[in-house]
Amino acid sequence: MIEVSIYSRSNCHLCEVALETLEQLQKEFSFLIVKKLIDGDQNLEEKYGEQVPVILINGEPHDFFRIDPERFRSAINNIINI
């Protein structure tokens, strides 16, 4: 199963939009969404800070701030076709 992680903060509008986009893309592809809040985690706040939302696909960085659906589809198709 493909795992898509979204690192976000509480009350983050861009994070909410990114999550909605991922949920729409789940209608096309089978993948698990794992939402991780960086609030209060010093290591994650130092690593991602103001870059949220951060999207990782199978642990590899994919997008910051916004999700480009076409780029996401391409990345998922590349994983599926391996």
PDB file of N, CA and C in Angstrom:
ATOM      1  N   MET A   1       0.849  -1.180   0.000  1.00  0.00           N
ATOM      2  CA  MET A   1       0.000   0.000   0.000  1.00  0.00           C
ATOM      3  C   MET A   1       0.897   1.246   0.000  1.00  0.00           C
ATOM      4  N   ILE A   2       0.565   2.169  -0.843  1.00  0.00           N
ATOM      5  CA  ILE A   2       1.275   3.447  -0.903  1.00  0.00           C
ATOM      6  C   ILE A   2       0.832   4.293   0.287  1.00  0.00           C
ATOM      7  N   GLU A   3       1.807   4.912   0.960  1.00  0.00           N
ATOM      8  CA  GLU A   3       1.504   5.772   2.100  1.00  0.00           C
ATOM      9  C   GLU A   3       1.849   7.206   1.753  1.00  0.00           C
ATOM     10  N   VAL A   4       0.878   8.078   1.906  1.00  0.00           N
ATOM     11  CA  VAL A   4       1.066   9.506   1.677  1.00  0.00           C
ATOM     12  C   VAL A   4       0.933  10.207   3.022  1.00  0.00           C
ATOM     13  N   SER A   5       2.024  10.818   3.465  1.00  0.00           N
ATOM     14  CA  SER A   5       2.020  11.540   4.739  1.00  0.00           C
ATOM     15  C   SER A   5       1.853  13.026   4.471  1.00  0.00           C
ATOM     16  N   ILE A   6       1.082  13.662   5.325  1.00  0.00           N
ATOM     17  CA  ILE A   6       0.926  15.104   5.242  1.00  0.00           C
ATOM     18  C   ILE A   6       1.301  15.674   6.612  1.00  0.00           C
ATOM     19  N   TYR A   7       2.383  16.416   6.647  1.00  0.00           N
ATOM     20  CA  TYR A   7       2.812  17.101   7.860  1.00  0.00           C
ATOM     21  C   TYR A   7       2.142  18.466   7.866  1.00  0.00           C
ATOM     22  N   SER A   8       1.436  18.746   8.958  1.00  0.00           N
ATOM     23  CA  SER A   8       0.654  19.979   8.995  1.00  0.00           C
ATOM     24  C   SER A   8       0.670  20.589  10.397  1.00  0.00           C
ATOM     25  N   ARG A   9       0.015  21.729  10.499  1.00  0.00           N
ATOM     26  CA  ARG A   9      -0.161  22.428  11.772  1.00  0.00           C
ATOM     27  C   ARG A   9      -1.656  22.593  12.023  1.00  0.00           C
ATOM     28  N   SER A  10      -1.996  22.798  13.275  1.00  0.00           N
ATOM     29  CA  SER A  10      -3.387  23.089  13.621  1.00  0.00           C
ATOM     30  C   SER A  10      -3.782  24.429  12.999  1.00  0.00           C
ATOM     31  N   ASN A  11      -5.023  24.519  12.577  1.00  0.00           N
ATOM     32  CA  ASN A  11      -5.582  25.758  12.016  1.00  0.00           C
ATOM     33  C   ASN A  11      -4.806  26.278  10.814  1.00  0.00           C
ATOM     34  N   CYS A  12      -4.330  25.375   9.979  1.00  0.00           N
ATOM     35  CA  CYS A  12      -3.564  25.740   8.785  1.00  0.00           C
ATOM     36  C   CYS A  12      -4.469  25.562   7.565  1.00  0.00           C
ATOM     37  N   HIS A  13      -4.848  26.689   6.949  1.00  0.00           N
ATOM     38  CA  HIS A  13      -5.751  26.635   5.798  1.00  0.00           C
ATOM     39  C   HIS A  13      -5.136  25.855   4.632  1.00  0.00           C
ATOM     40  N   LEU A  14      -3.875  26.106   4.319  1.00  0.00           N
ATOM     41  CA  LEU A  14      -3.231  25.375   3.222  1.00  0.00           C
ATOM     42  C   LEU A  14      -3.192  23.881   3.501  1.00  0.00           C
ATOM     43  N   CYS A  15      -3.038  23.509   4.775  1.00  0.00           N
ATOM     44  CA  CYS A  15      -3.022  22.093   5.146  1.00  0.00           C
ATOM     45  C   CYS A  15      -4.388  21.460   4.896  1.00  0.00           C
ATOM     46  N   GLU A  16      -5.435  22.183   5.228  1.00  0.00           N
ATOM     47  CA  GLU A  16      -6.792  21.685   4.997  1.00  0.00           C
ATOM     48  C   GLU A  16      -7.056  21.497   3.504  1.00  0.00           C
ATOM     49  N   VAL A  17      -6.619  22.440   2.696  1.00  0.00           N
ATOM     50  CA  VAL A  17      -6.794  22.344   1.242  1.00  0.00           C
ATOM     51  C   VAL A  17      -6.007  21.150   0.701  1.00  0.00           C
ATOM     52  N   ALA A  18      -4.785  20.971   1.173  1.00  0.00           N
ATOM     53  CA  ALA A  18      -3.960  19.843   0.722  1.00  0.00           C
ATOM     54  C   ALA A  18      -4.609  18.516   1.084  1.00  0.00           C
ATOM     55  N   LEU A  19      -5.140  18.410   2.288  1.00  0.00           N
ATOM     56  CA  LEU A  19      -5.805  17.184   2.713  1.00  0.00           C
ATOM     57  C   LEU A  19      -7.031  16.914   1.843  1.00  0.00           C
ATOM     58  N   GLU A  20      -7.806  17.941   1.543  1.00  0.00           N
ATOM     59  CA  GLU A  20      -8.973  17.782   0.663  1.00  0.00           C
ATOM     60  C   GLU A  20      -8.539  17.302  -0.723  1.00  0.00           C
ATOM     61  N   THR A  21      -7.443  17.846  -1.221  1.00  0.00           N
ATOM     62  CA  THR A  21      -6.929  17.429  -2.530  1.00  0.00           C
ATOM     63  C   THR A  21      -6.528  15.963  -2.493  1.00  0.00           C
ATOM     64  N   LEU A  22      -5.832  15.548  -1.438  1.00  0.00           N
ATOM     65  CA  LEU A  22      -5.442  14.141  -1.304  1.00  0.00           C
ATOM     66  C   LEU A  22      -6.672  13.234  -1.239  1.00  0.00           C
ATOM     67  N   GLU A  23      -7.677  13.662  -0.509  1.00  0.00           N
ATOM     68  CA  GLU A  23      -8.898  12.858  -0.404  1.00  0.00           C
ATOM     69  C   GLU A  23      -9.584  12.722  -1.761  1.00  0.00           C
ATOM     70  N   GLN A  24      -9.546  13.763  -2.575  1.00  0.00           N
ATOM     71  CA  GLN A  24     -10.108  13.677  -3.933  1.00  0.00           C
ATOM     72  C   GLN A  24      -9.292  12.712  -4.788  1.00  0.00           C
ATOM     73  N   LEU A  25      -7.962  12.767  -4.646  1.00  0.00           N
ATOM     74  CA  LEU A  25      -7.092  11.890  -5.427  1.00  0.00           C
ATOM     75  C   LEU A  25      -7.222  10.429  -5.000  1.00  0.00           C
ATOM     76  N   GLN A  26      -7.668  10.195  -3.774  1.00  0.00           N
ATOM     77  CA  GLN A  26      -7.906   8.826  -3.318  1.00  0.00           C
ATOM     78  C   GLN A  26      -9.023   8.160  -4.106  1.00  0.00           C
ATOM     79  N   LYS A  27      -9.862   8.933  -4.748  1.00  0.00           N
ATOM     80  CA  LYS A  27     -10.925   8.368  -5.577  1.00  0.00           C
ATOM     81  C   LYS A  27     -10.343   7.738  -6.842  1.00  0.00           C
ATOM     82  N   GLU A  28      -9.133   8.185  -7.226  1.00  0.00           N
ATOM     83  CA  GLU A  28      -8.473   7.657  -8.418  1.00  0.00           C
ATOM     84  C   GLU A  28      -7.453   6.572  -8.099  1.00  0.00           C
ATOM     85  N   PHE A  29      -6.812   6.679  -6.952  1.00  0.00           N
ATOM     86  CA  PHE A  29      -5.714   5.786  -6.578  1.00  0.00           C
ATOM     87  C   PHE A  29      -5.936   5.249  -5.175  1.00  0.00           C
ATOM     88  N   SER A  30      -5.425   4.063  -4.940  1.00  0.00           N
ATOM     89  CA  SER A  30      -5.498   3.476  -3.609  1.00  0.00           C
ATOM     90  C   SER A  30      -4.232   3.829  -2.844  1.00  0.00           C
ATOM     91  N   PHE A  31      -4.362   4.669  -1.818  1.00  0.00           N
ATOM     92  CA  PHE A  31      -3.235   4.998  -0.951  1.00  0.00           C
ATOM     93  C   PHE A  31      -3.752   5.389   0.416  1.00  0.00           C
ATOM     94  N   LEU A  32      -2.903   5.226   1.399  1.00  0.00           N
ATOM     95  CA  LEU A  32      -3.227   5.557   2.773  1.00  0.00           C
ATOM     96  C   LEU A  32      -2.751   6.968   3.071  1.00  0.00           C
ATOM     97  N   ILE A  33      -3.598   7.781   3.686  1.00  0.00           N
ATOM     98  CA  ILE A  33      -3.211   9.135   4.105  1.00  0.00           C
ATOM     99  C   ILE A  33      -2.893   9.095   5.594  1.00  0.00           C
ATOM    100  N   VAL A  34      -1.701   9.564   5.944  1.00  0.00           N
ATOM    101  CA  VAL A  34      -1.302   9.662   7.343  1.00  0.00           C
ATOM    102  C   VAL A  34      -1.057  11.133   7.638  1.00  0.00           C
ATOM    103  N   LYS A  35      -1.896  11.703   8.513  1.00  0.00           N
ATOM    104  CA  LYS A  35      -1.770  13.117   8.870  1.00  0.00           C
ATOM    105  C   LYS A  35      -0.951  13.217  10.149  1.00  0.00           C
ATOM    106  N   LYS A  36       0.078  14.047  10.119  1.00  0.00           N
ATOM    107  CA  LYS A  36       0.950  14.228  11.274  1.00  0.00           C
ATOM    108  C   LYS A  36       1.047  15.711  11.595  1.00  0.00           C
ATOM    109  N   LEU A  37       0.616  16.083  12.791  1.00  0.00           N
ATOM    110  CA  LEU A  37       0.737  17.467  13.234  1.00  0.00           C
ATOM    111  C   LEU A  37       2.142  17.698  13.772  1.00  0.00           C
ATOM    112  N   ILE A  38       2.754  18.793  13.342  1.00  0.00           N
ATOM    113  CA  ILE A  38       4.103  19.103  13.829  1.00  0.00           C
ATOM    114  C   ILE A  38       4.064  19.970  15.075  1.00  0.00           C
ATOM    115  N   ASP A  39       2.881  20.473  15.424  1.00  0.00           N
ATOM    116  CA  ASP A  39       2.728  21.336  16.597  1.00  0.00           C
ATOM    117  C   ASP A  39       3.302  20.654  17.835  1.00  0.00           C
ATOM    118  N   GLY A  40       4.205  21.337  18.516  1.00  0.00           N
ATOM    119  CA  GLY A  40       4.746  20.829  19.760  1.00  0.00           C
ATOM    120  C   GLY A  40       5.860  19.812  19.623  1.00  0.00           C
ATOM    121  N   ASP A  41       6.165  19.383  18.396  1.00  0.00           N
ATOM    122  CA  ASP A  41       7.265  18.445  18.175  1.00  0.00           C
ATOM    123  C   ASP A  41       8.462  19.257  17.688  1.00  0.00           C
ATOM    124  N   GLN A  42       9.402  19.507  18.579  1.00  0.00           N
ATOM    125  CA  GLN A  42      10.516  20.397  18.264  1.00  0.00           C
ATOM    126  C   GLN A  42      11.282  19.953  17.024  1.00  0.00           C
ATOM    127  N   ASN A  43      11.529  18.658  16.888  1.00  0.00           N
ATOM    128  CA  ASN A  43      12.279  18.168  15.725  1.00  0.00           C
ATOM    129  C   ASN A  43      11.535  18.439  14.423  1.00  0.00           C
ATOM    130  N   LEU A  44      10.233  18.132  14.400  1.00  0.00           N
ATOM    131  CA  LEU A  44       9.453  18.359  13.184  1.00  0.00           C
ATOM    132  C   LEU A  44       9.275  19.841  12.909  1.00  0.00           C
ATOM    133  N   GLU A  45       9.106  20.652  13.959  1.00  0.00           N
ATOM    134  CA  GLU A  45       8.976  22.093  13.750  1.00  0.00           C
ATOM    135  C   GLU A  45      10.265  22.670  13.170  1.00  0.00           C
ATOM    136  N   GLU A  46      11.411  22.189  13.624  1.00  0.00           N
ATOM    137  CA  GLU A  46      12.692  22.656  13.074  1.00  0.00           C
ATOM    138  C   GLU A  46      12.862  22.198  11.634  1.00  0.00           C
ATOM    139  N   LYS A  47      12.438  20.971  11.354  1.00  0.00           N
ATOM    140  CA  LYS A  47      12.616  20.405  10.016  1.00  0.00           C
ATOM    141  C   LYS A  47      11.675  21.042   8.987  1.00  0.00           C
ATOM    142  N   TYR A  48      10.398  21.213   9.361  1.00  0.00           N
ATOM    143  CA  TYR A  48       9.403  21.670   8.397  1.00  0.00           C
ATOM    144  C   TYR A  48       8.911  23.097   8.624  1.00  0.00           C
ATOM    145  N   GLY A  49       8.970  23.571   9.862  1.00  0.00           N
ATOM    146  CA  GLY A  49       8.626  24.944  10.190  1.00  0.00           C
ATOM    147  C   GLY A  49       7.454  25.516   9.432  1.00  0.00           C
ATOM    148  N   GLU A  50       7.743  26.521   8.633  1.00  0.00           N
ATOM    149  CA  GLU A  50       6.697  27.224   7.884  1.00  0.00           C
ATOM    150  C   GLU A  50       6.445  26.636   6.501  1.00  0.00           C
ATOM    151  N   GLN A  51       7.008  25.464   6.213  1.00  0.00           N
ATOM    152  CA  GLN A  51       6.826  24.855   4.893  1.00  0.00           C
ATOM    153  C   GLN A  51       5.543  24.034   4.784  1.00  0.00           C
ATOM    154  N   VAL A  52       4.818  23.894   5.870  1.00  0.00           N
ATOM    155  CA  VAL A  52       3.635  23.041   5.860  1.00  0.00           C
ATOM    156  C   VAL A  52       2.545  23.602   4.959  1.00  0.00           C
ATOM    157  N   PRO A  53       1.775  22.738   4.360  1.00  0.00           N
ATOM    158  CA  PRO A  53       1.861  21.301   4.491  1.00  0.00           C
ATOM    159  C   PRO A  53       3.026  20.726   3.687  1.00  0.00           C
ATOM    160  N   VAL A  54       3.589  19.660   4.226  1.00  0.00           N
ATOM    161  CA  VAL A  54       4.640  18.916   3.542  1.00  0.00           C
ATOM    162  C   VAL A  54       4.055  17.552   3.205  1.00  0.00           C
ATOM    163  N   ILE A  55       4.198  17.156   1.955  1.00  0.00           N
ATOM    164  CA  ILE A  55       3.645  15.886   1.495  1.00  0.00           C
ATOM    165  C   ILE A  55       4.792  14.940   1.186  1.00  0.00           C
ATOM    166  N   LEU A  56       4.718  13.734   1.758  1.00  0.00           N
ATOM    167  CA  LEU A  56       5.691  12.691   1.467  1.00  0.00           C
ATOM    168  C   LEU A  56       4.951  11.506   0.876  1.00  0.00           C
ATOM    169  N   ILE A  57       5.547  10.888  -0.102  1.00  0.00           N
ATOM    170  CA  ILE A  57       4.998   9.660  -0.672  1.00  0.00           C
ATOM    171  C   ILE A  57       5.977   8.549  -0.342  1.00  0.00           C
ATOM    172  N   ASN A  58       5.495   7.575   0.405  1.00  0.00           N
ATOM    173  CA  ASN A  58       6.346   6.475   0.885  1.00  0.00           C
ATOM    174  C   ASN A  58       7.625   6.996   1.533  1.00  0.00           C
ATOM    175  N   GLY A  59       7.473   8.053   2.319  1.00  0.00           N
ATOM    176  CA  GLY A  59       8.595   8.596   3.075  1.00  0.00           C
ATOM    177  C   GLY A  59       9.500   9.541   2.314  1.00  0.00           C
ATOM    178  N   GLU A  60       9.245   9.750   1.032  1.00  0.00           N
ATOM    179  CA  GLU A  60      10.065  10.639   0.206  1.00  0.00           C
ATOM    180  C   GLU A  60       9.348  11.975  -0.002  1.00  0.00           C
ATOM    181  N   PRO A  61      10.038  13.094   0.211  1.00  0.00           N
ATOM    182  CA  PRO A  61       9.406  14.408   0.008  1.00  0.00           C
ATOM    183  C   PRO A  61       8.846  14.548  -1.408  1.00  0.00           C
ATOM    184  N   HIS A  62       7.643  15.092  -1.478  1.00  0.00           N
ATOM    185  CA  HIS A  62       7.003  15.273  -2.785  1.00  0.00           C
ATOM    186  C   HIS A  62       6.624  16.732  -3.032  1.00  0.00           C
ATOM    187  N   ASP A  63       5.874  17.334  -2.124  1.00  0.00           N
ATOM    188  CA  ASP A  63       5.412  18.711  -2.311  1.00  0.00           C
ATOM    189  C   ASP A  63       5.439  19.470  -0.992  1.00  0.00           C
ATOM    190  N   PHE A  64       5.541  20.782  -1.111  1.00  0.00           N
ATOM    191  CA  PHE A  64       5.445  21.695   0.015  1.00  0.00           C
ATOM    192  C   PHE A  64       4.382  22.731  -0.332  1.00  0.00           C
ATOM    193  N   PHE A  65       3.664  23.213   0.642  1.00  0.00           N
ATOM    194  CA  PHE A  65       2.655  24.261   0.513  1.00  0.00           C
ATOM    195  C   PHE A  65       1.397  23.839  -0.233  1.00  0.00           C
ATOM    196  N   ARG A  66       1.528  23.372  -1.455  1.00  0.00           N
ATOM    197  CA  ARG A  66       0.361  22.981  -2.260  1.00  0.00           C
ATOM    198  C   ARG A  66       0.661  21.680  -3.004  1.00  0.00           C
ATOM    199  N   ILE A  67      -0.413  20.981  -3.347  1.00  0.00           N
ATOM    200  CA  ILE A  67      -0.266  19.749  -4.125  1.00  0.00           C
ATOM    201  C   ILE A  67      -0.627  20.059  -5.564  1.00  0.00           C
ATOM    202  N   ASP A  68       0.274  19.713  -6.459  1.00  0.00           N
ATOM    203  CA  ASP A  68      -0.007  19.796  -7.892  1.00  0.00           C
ATOM    204  C   ASP A  68      -0.598  18.440  -8.278  1.00  0.00           C
ATOM    205  N   PRO A  69      -1.903  18.368  -8.553  1.00  0.00           N
ATOM    206  CA  PRO A  69      -2.534  17.069  -8.825  1.00  0.00           C
ATOM    207  C   PRO A  69      -1.889  16.287  -9.968  1.00  0.00           C
ATOM    208  N   GLU A  70      -1.499  16.968 -11.027  1.00  0.00           N
ATOM    209  CA  GLU A  70      -0.881  16.248 -12.156  1.00  0.00           C
ATOM    210  C   GLU A  70       0.468  15.655 -11.764  1.00  0.00           C
ATOM    211  N   ARG A  71       1.236  16.411 -11.029  1.00  0.00           N
ATOM    212  CA  ARG A  71       2.540  15.922 -10.564  1.00  0.00           C
ATOM    213  C   ARG A  71       2.340  14.762  -9.589  1.00  0.00           C
ATOM    214  N   PHE A  72       1.335  14.852  -8.730  1.00  0.00           N
ATOM    215  CA  PHE A  72       1.021  13.787  -7.793  1.00  0.00           C
ATOM    216  C   PHE A  72       0.610  12.524  -8.550  1.00  0.00           C
ATOM    217  N   ARG A  73      -0.283  12.667  -9.517  1.00  0.00           N
ATOM    218  CA  ARG A  73      -0.714  11.515 -10.321  1.00  0.00           C
ATOM    219  C   ARG A  73       0.481  10.835 -10.983  1.00  0.00           C
ATOM    220  N   SER A  74       1.360  11.638 -11.542  1.00  0.00           N
ATOM    221  CA  SER A  74       2.551  11.099 -12.199  1.00  0.00           C
ATOM    222  C   SER A  74       3.419  10.316 -11.217  1.00  0.00           C
ATOM    223  N   ALA A  75       3.618  10.869 -10.012  1.00  0.00           N
ATOM    224  CA  ALA A  75       4.425  10.190  -9.003  1.00  0.00           C
ATOM    225  C   ALA A  75       3.783   8.869  -8.585  1.00  0.00           C
ATOM    226  N   ILE A  76       2.485   8.873  -8.376  1.00  0.00           N
ATOM    227  CA  ILE A  76       1.787   7.644  -7.975  1.00  0.00           C
ATOM    228  C   ILE A  76       1.843   6.622  -9.104  1.00  0.00           C
ATOM    229  N   ASN A  77       1.614   7.053 -10.339  1.00  0.00           N
ATOM    230  CA  ASN A  77       1.696   6.124 -11.472  1.00  0.00           C
ATOM    231  C   ASN A  77       3.093   5.524 -11.597  1.00  0.00           C
ATOM    232  N   ASN A  78       4.125   6.301 -11.343  1.00  0.00           N
ATOM    233  CA  ASN A  78       5.483   5.781 -11.396  1.00  0.00           C
ATOM    234  C   ASN A  78       5.690   4.694 -10.349  1.00  0.00           C
ATOM    235  N   ILE A  79       5.134   4.858  -9.176  1.00  0.00           N
ATOM    236  CA  ILE A  79       5.251   3.856  -8.124  1.00  0.00           C
ATOM    237  C   ILE A  79       4.472   2.601  -8.499  1.00  0.00           C
ATOM    238  N   ILE A  80       3.275   2.780  -9.017  1.00  0.00           N
ATOM    239  CA  ILE A  80       2.429   1.648  -9.400  1.00  0.00           C
ATOM    240  C   ILE A  80       3.093   0.823 -10.499  1.00  0.00           C
ATOM    241  N   ASN A  81       3.759   1.487 -11.416  1.00  0.00           N
ATOM    242  CA  ASN A  81       4.354   0.809 -12.583  1.00  0.00           C
ATOM    243  C   ASN A  81       5.747   0.220 -12.350  1.00  0.00           C
ATOM    244  N   ILE A  82       6.217   0.314 -11.106  1.00  0.00           N
ATOM    245  CA  ILE A  82       7.541  -0.266 -10.813  1.00  0.00           C
ATOM    246  C   ILE A  82       7.414  -1.758 -10.684  1.00  0.00           C
TER     247      ILE A  82
END
